[in-house]
Amino acid sequence: MDVCLSSELREVPCTPDGCLEPAAAAGSLQEDGTGGPPGDSNKIEPSLHSLQRFVPTDYASYTQEHYLFAGTKIVIQESIESYGAVVWPGATALCQYLEEHTEELNLQDAKILEIGAGPGLVSIVASILGAQVTATDLPDVLGNLQYNLLKNTLKHAAHLPEVRELVWGESLEQHFPKPTFYYDYVLASDVVYHHYFLDKLLTTMAYLCQPGTVLLWANKFRFSTDYEFLDKFKQVFDTTLLAEFPESSVKIFKGILKWD
């Protein structure tokens, strides 16, 4: 179910360009009594505080956005001050796909790594659906990411997701050695947009995939460079279009790394 709800539980659009309707003022209490921003440790449950390894970025304002997937209401702390602190359309589309194809994908206990997890919605949904998830992103994103993951999975998932730093194309063998790290699925949503690291992204996608790994990539196609990346992606991966969402220009692809 692809839904974004405001704090009054009325449907609002999740737009691709950051035009988000605030779900609640930053610092407002959530249902379980905790509040934001996450850096205020006095308002974080002790169980969350003890597990929080990364310090959240001190953005000037946060909003609380409400989603409903896998029968669970999910509250995501977002900030429009960072691309990595906003849920984009590809994420909600991928969550819907995971929810609707859980048994087909055999997500129970599956080992999953998410590239560019941002505020964590996809990793949260995958965890609630039973997967063992590693959520990755750049260092400045990890604090808010981990806060959202713990907040939404601590009482709803069999496996608590792990948070790890991943800079595309850098120190991959050092931080994710192949003999140690194997994933059934690599997930990515809206990681392709107007930036200068697309080649490093493709290198990272290919590195993380081993025989048997399935890559699921959801993206809103905005620019000609997005389609250029898709052409390069098809050269590296056997590619299948799994789903399209015309209203949001999102496409979901399955990629299986080509082996010579």
Protein backbone atom coordinates (compact mmCIF):
# COMPACT_ATOMS: atom_id res chain seq x y z
CA MET A 1 0.00 0.00 0.00
CA ASP A 2 1.69 3.16 -1.22
CA VAL A 3 0.53 5.81 1.23
CA CYS A 4 1.99 8.88 2.84
CA LEU A 5 -0.16 10.32 5.59
CA SER A 6 0.08 13.56 7.50
CA SER A 7 -0.14 13.69 11.28
CA GLU A 8 -3.90 14.11 10.88
CA LEU A 9 -3.87 10.88 8.82
CA ARG A 10 -5.10 12.51 5.63
CA GLU A 11 -3.47 11.60 2.35
CA VAL A 12 -0.86 14.01 1.02
CA PRO A 13 1.44 13.73 -2.01
CA CYS A 14 5.06 12.73 -1.65
CA THR A 15 6.54 14.98 -4.31
CA PRO A 16 9.91 14.36 -5.97
CA ASP A 17 11.21 17.90 -5.65
CA GLY A 18 11.09 18.43 -1.92
CA CYS A 19 7.64 20.10 -1.76
CA LEU A 20 6.63 18.18 1.33
CA GLU A 21 3.77 19.14 3.56
CA PRO A 22 4.97 19.12 7.16
CA ALA A 23 3.29 16.34 9.09
CA ALA A 24 4.06 17.94 12.44
CA ALA A 25 6.22 20.72 13.80
CA ALA A 26 9.74 19.74 14.68
CA GLY A 27 9.97 18.80 18.31
CA SER A 28 6.35 17.67 18.57
CA LEU A 29 5.70 14.52 20.54
CA GLN A 30 5.19 11.27 18.73
CA GLU A 31 2.63 8.72 19.79
CA ASP A 32 4.97 6.93 22.17
CA GLY A 33 6.01 10.19 23.81
CA THR A 34 9.35 10.72 22.14
CA GLY A 35 10.12 13.83 20.17
CA GLY A 36 12.55 15.32 17.70
CA PRO A 37 15.06 16.36 16.75
CA PRO A 38 16.78 13.05 17.51
CA GLY A 39 19.80 14.76 19.04
CA ASP A 40 17.73 15.56 22.14
CA SER A 41 18.68 12.43 24.05
CA ASN A 42 16.42 13.30 26.98
CA LYS A 43 13.39 12.62 24.79
CA ILE A 44 14.59 9.39 23.24
CA GLU A 45 13.51 6.13 24.83
CA PRO A 46 16.37 4.57 26.81
CA SER A 47 16.26 1.52 24.55
CA LEU A 48 16.73 3.73 21.51
CA HIS A 49 19.38 5.89 23.10
CA SER A 50 21.50 2.89 24.10
CA LEU A 51 21.45 1.56 20.54
CA GLN A 52 22.07 4.87 18.77
CA ARG A 53 25.67 4.76 17.49
CA PHE A 54 25.61 7.74 15.14
CA VAL A 55 25.02 11.37 16.06
CA PRO A 56 22.14 12.88 14.08
CA THR A 57 22.76 15.98 12.00
CA ASP A 58 21.43 19.08 13.73
CA TYR A 59 19.11 20.35 11.01
CA ALA A 60 17.19 23.55 11.78
CA SER A 61 13.86 21.78 11.41
CA TYR A 62 12.42 18.30 11.10
CA THR A 63 8.98 17.07 10.13
CA GLN A 64 7.29 13.81 11.02
CA GLU A 65 5.84 12.01 7.99
CA HIS A 66 3.48 9.07 8.42
CA TYR A 67 3.37 6.03 6.11
CA LEU A 68 1.47 2.76 6.16
CA PHE A 69 3.08 -0.42 4.87
CA ALA A 70 2.85 -4.09 5.86
CA GLY A 71 0.01 -3.24 8.22
CA THR A 72 2.29 -0.99 10.25
CA LYS A 73 2.15 2.76 10.69
CA ILE A 74 5.65 4.12 10.14
CA VAL A 75 6.80 7.54 11.31
CA ILE A 76 9.77 8.97 9.45
CA GLN A 77 11.68 11.98 10.71
CA GLU A 78 12.57 14.04 7.63
CA SER A 79 14.22 17.35 6.83
CA ILE A 80 14.10 19.18 3.51
CA GLU A 81 17.55 20.57 4.34
CA SER A 82 19.18 17.42 2.92
CA TYR A 83 18.40 15.16 -0.06
CA GLY A 84 19.35 12.28 2.23
CA ALA A 85 16.75 13.18 4.84
CA VAL A 86 13.70 13.08 2.54
CA VAL A 87 11.61 10.13 1.32
CA TRP A 88 11.45 10.30 -2.49
CA PRO A 89 8.89 8.68 -4.82
CA GLY A 90 11.11 5.73 -5.73
CA ALA A 91 11.24 4.70 -2.08
CA THR A 92 7.47 4.54 -1.63
CA ALA A 93 7.13 2.67 -4.92
CA LEU A 94 9.76 0.11 -3.88
CA CYS A 95 8.09 -0.32 -0.49
CA GLN A 96 4.80 -1.03 -2.24
CA TYR A 97 6.50 -3.58 -4.48
CA LEU A 98 8.17 -5.34 -1.54
CA GLU A 99 4.88 -5.43 0.35
CA GLU A 100 2.95 -6.88 -2.58
CA HIS A 101 5.60 -9.48 -3.48
CA THR A 102 6.91 -10.54 -0.06
CA GLU A 103 6.30 -14.26 -0.52
CA GLU A 104 7.50 -14.28 -4.13
CA LEU A 105 10.72 -12.54 -3.09
CA ASN A 106 11.09 -14.81 -0.05
CA LEU A 107 12.05 -11.90 2.17
CA GLN A 108 11.80 -13.80 5.46
CA ASP A 109 15.36 -13.89 6.85
CA ALA A 110 16.77 -12.71 3.51
CA LYS A 111 19.98 -10.72 3.74
CA ILE A 112 19.47 -7.27 2.25
CA LEU A 113 21.67 -4.22 1.78
CA GLU A 114 20.16 -0.87 0.83
CA ILE A 115 22.29 1.66 -1.05
CA GLY A 116 21.51 5.30 -0.28
CA ALA A 117 18.97 4.48 2.41
CA GLY A 118 18.32 8.15 3.26
CA PRO A 119 15.78 8.44 6.09
CA GLY A 120 15.26 4.68 5.99
CA LEU A 121 11.72 3.93 4.80
CA VAL A 122 12.69 1.08 2.45
CA SER A 123 14.96 -0.55 5.03
CA ILE A 124 12.23 -0.25 7.66
CA VAL A 125 9.63 -1.93 5.45
CA ALA A 126 12.06 -4.70 4.46
CA SER A 127 12.84 -5.29 8.14
CA ILE A 128 9.16 -5.44 9.10
CA LEU A 129 8.66 -7.96 6.30
CA GLY A 130 11.24 -10.20 7.97
CA ALA A 131 14.54 -9.44 6.23
CA GLN A 132 17.97 -8.98 7.81
CA VAL A 133 18.78 -5.48 6.61
CA THR A 134 21.94 -3.41 6.36
CA ALA A 135 21.11 0.23 5.60
CA THR A 136 23.93 2.34 4.13
CA ASP A 137 24.51 5.96 3.25
CA LEU A 138 26.94 8.85 3.63
CA PRO A 139 28.21 9.73 7.13
CA ASP A 140 26.08 12.86 7.61
CA VAL A 141 22.89 10.87 6.95
CA LEU A 142 23.51 7.96 9.31
CA GLY A 143 22.31 9.56 12.55
CA ASN A 144 18.81 10.34 11.33
CA LEU A 145 18.72 7.06 9.41
CA GLN A 146 19.51 5.01 12.49
CA TYR A 147 17.05 6.99 14.60
CA ASN A 148 14.23 6.22 12.16
CA LEU A 149 15.21 2.56 11.85
CA LEU A 150 15.28 1.96 15.58
CA LYS A 151 12.14 3.98 16.15
CA ASN A 152 10.13 1.90 13.70
CA THR A 153 11.62 -1.59 13.96
CA LEU A 154 12.48 -2.09 17.63
CA LYS A 155 9.07 -3.59 18.39
CA HIS A 156 8.02 -4.61 14.88
CA ALA A 157 10.87 -6.61 13.32
CA ALA A 158 12.50 -9.95 14.08
CA HIS A 159 15.89 -8.58 13.01
CA LEU A 160 17.05 -5.10 13.97
CA PRO A 161 18.58 -3.44 10.89
CA GLU A 162 22.25 -2.54 10.87
CA VAL A 163 23.53 0.88 9.79
CA ARG A 164 26.84 1.21 7.95
CA GLU A 165 28.67 3.99 6.16
CA LEU A 166 29.02 3.47 2.43
CA VAL A 167 30.64 6.01 0.13
CA TRP A 168 30.04 4.88 -3.43
CA GLY A 169 33.15 3.52 -5.09
CA GLU A 170 35.44 4.03 -2.10
CA SER A 171 37.14 1.35 0.04
CA LEU A 172 34.57 -1.28 -0.97
CA GLU A 173 36.90 -4.26 -0.50
CA GLN A 174 38.02 -2.91 2.85
CA HIS A 175 34.56 -2.25 4.31
CA PHE A 176 32.55 -4.94 2.49
CA PRO A 177 34.92 -7.83 1.74
CA LYS A 178 33.19 -10.37 -0.49
CA PRO A 179 34.04 -13.47 1.58
CA THR A 180 32.31 -11.89 4.58
CA PHE A 181 29.42 -9.94 3.12
CA TYR A 182 26.88 -11.70 0.91
CA TYR A 183 23.43 -10.31 0.19
CA ASP A 184 20.37 -11.94 -1.32
CA TYR A 185 19.12 -8.53 -2.38
CA VAL A 186 20.63 -5.12 -2.95
CA LEU A 187 18.00 -2.37 -2.87
CA ALA A 188 18.27 1.15 -4.25
CA SER A 189 15.68 3.89 -4.74
CA ASP A 190 16.07 7.31 -6.34
CA VAL A 191 19.86 7.08 -6.21
CA VAL A 192 20.07 8.30 -9.81
CA TYR A 193 19.52 12.02 -10.27
CA HIS A 194 21.63 15.02 -11.27
CA HIS A 195 24.93 14.31 -9.50
CA TYR A 196 28.49 13.49 -10.48
CA PHE A 197 28.88 10.04 -8.91
CA LEU A 198 26.86 7.87 -11.28
CA ASP A 199 29.88 5.85 -12.43
CA LYS A 200 30.87 5.20 -8.82
CA LEU A 201 27.27 4.21 -8.06
CA LEU A 202 27.27 1.63 -10.85
CA THR A 203 30.65 0.31 -9.67
CA THR A 204 29.24 -0.06 -6.17
CA MET A 205 26.10 -1.82 -7.38
CA ALA A 206 28.18 -4.31 -9.35
CA TYR A 207 30.64 -4.91 -6.50
CA LEU A 208 27.90 -5.70 -3.97
CA CYS A 209 26.26 -8.28 -6.23
CA GLN A 210 27.58 -11.82 -6.17
CA PRO A 211 26.17 -14.95 -7.84
CA GLY A 212 22.61 -15.26 -6.58
CA THR A 213 22.23 -11.61 -5.60
CA VAL A 214 19.23 -9.74 -7.02
CA LEU A 215 19.37 -5.96 -7.33
CA LEU A 216 16.05 -4.10 -7.11
CA TRP A 217 16.33 -0.49 -8.29
CA ALA A 218 13.43 1.98 -8.23
CA ASN A 219 13.85 5.44 -9.69
CA LYS A 220 11.87 8.45 -10.80
CA PHE A 221 13.13 9.31 -14.27
CA ARG A 222 13.60 13.07 -14.45
CA PHE A 223 16.56 13.81 -16.70
CA SER A 224 18.21 12.48 -19.85
CA THR A 225 21.16 11.44 -17.69
CA ASP A 226 18.86 9.05 -15.83
CA TYR A 227 18.22 7.17 -19.09
CA GLU A 228 21.91 7.28 -19.93
CA PHE A 229 22.61 5.59 -16.60
CA LEU A 230 19.95 2.99 -17.40
CA ASP A 231 21.74 2.18 -20.66
CA LYS A 232 25.00 1.67 -18.75
CA PHE A 233 23.15 -0.36 -16.11
CA LYS A 234 21.87 -2.72 -18.82
CA GLN A 235 25.43 -3.29 -20.01
CA VAL A 236 26.41 -4.56 -16.55
CA PHE A 237 23.18 -6.26 -15.43
CA ASP A 238 20.65 -8.52 -17.08
CA THR A 239 17.75 -6.16 -16.62
CA THR A 240 14.00 -6.72 -16.24
CA LEU A 241 11.39 -3.98 -15.86
CA LEU A 242 9.25 -5.14 -12.93
CA ALA A 243 6.80 -2.27 -12.49
CA GLU A 244 5.93 1.22 -13.66
CA PHE A 245 4.11 4.02 -11.85
CA PRO A 246 3.11 6.49 -14.60
CA GLU A 247 1.68 9.03 -12.17
CA SER A 248 5.09 9.51 -10.58
CA SER A 249 7.35 8.48 -13.52
CA VAL A 250 8.88 5.76 -11.31
CA LYS A 251 10.16 2.50 -12.77
CA ILE A 252 11.37 -0.54 -10.85
CA PHE A 253 14.03 -2.77 -12.38
CA LYS A 254 15.51 -6.11 -11.41
CA GLY A 255 19.18 -6.53 -12.17
CA ILE A 256 21.26 -9.72 -12.20
CA LEU A 257 24.97 -9.07 -12.59
CA LYS A 258 26.37 -10.39 -15.87
CA TRP A 259 29.21 -12.88 -15.39
CA ASP A 260 31.71 -13.39 -18.19
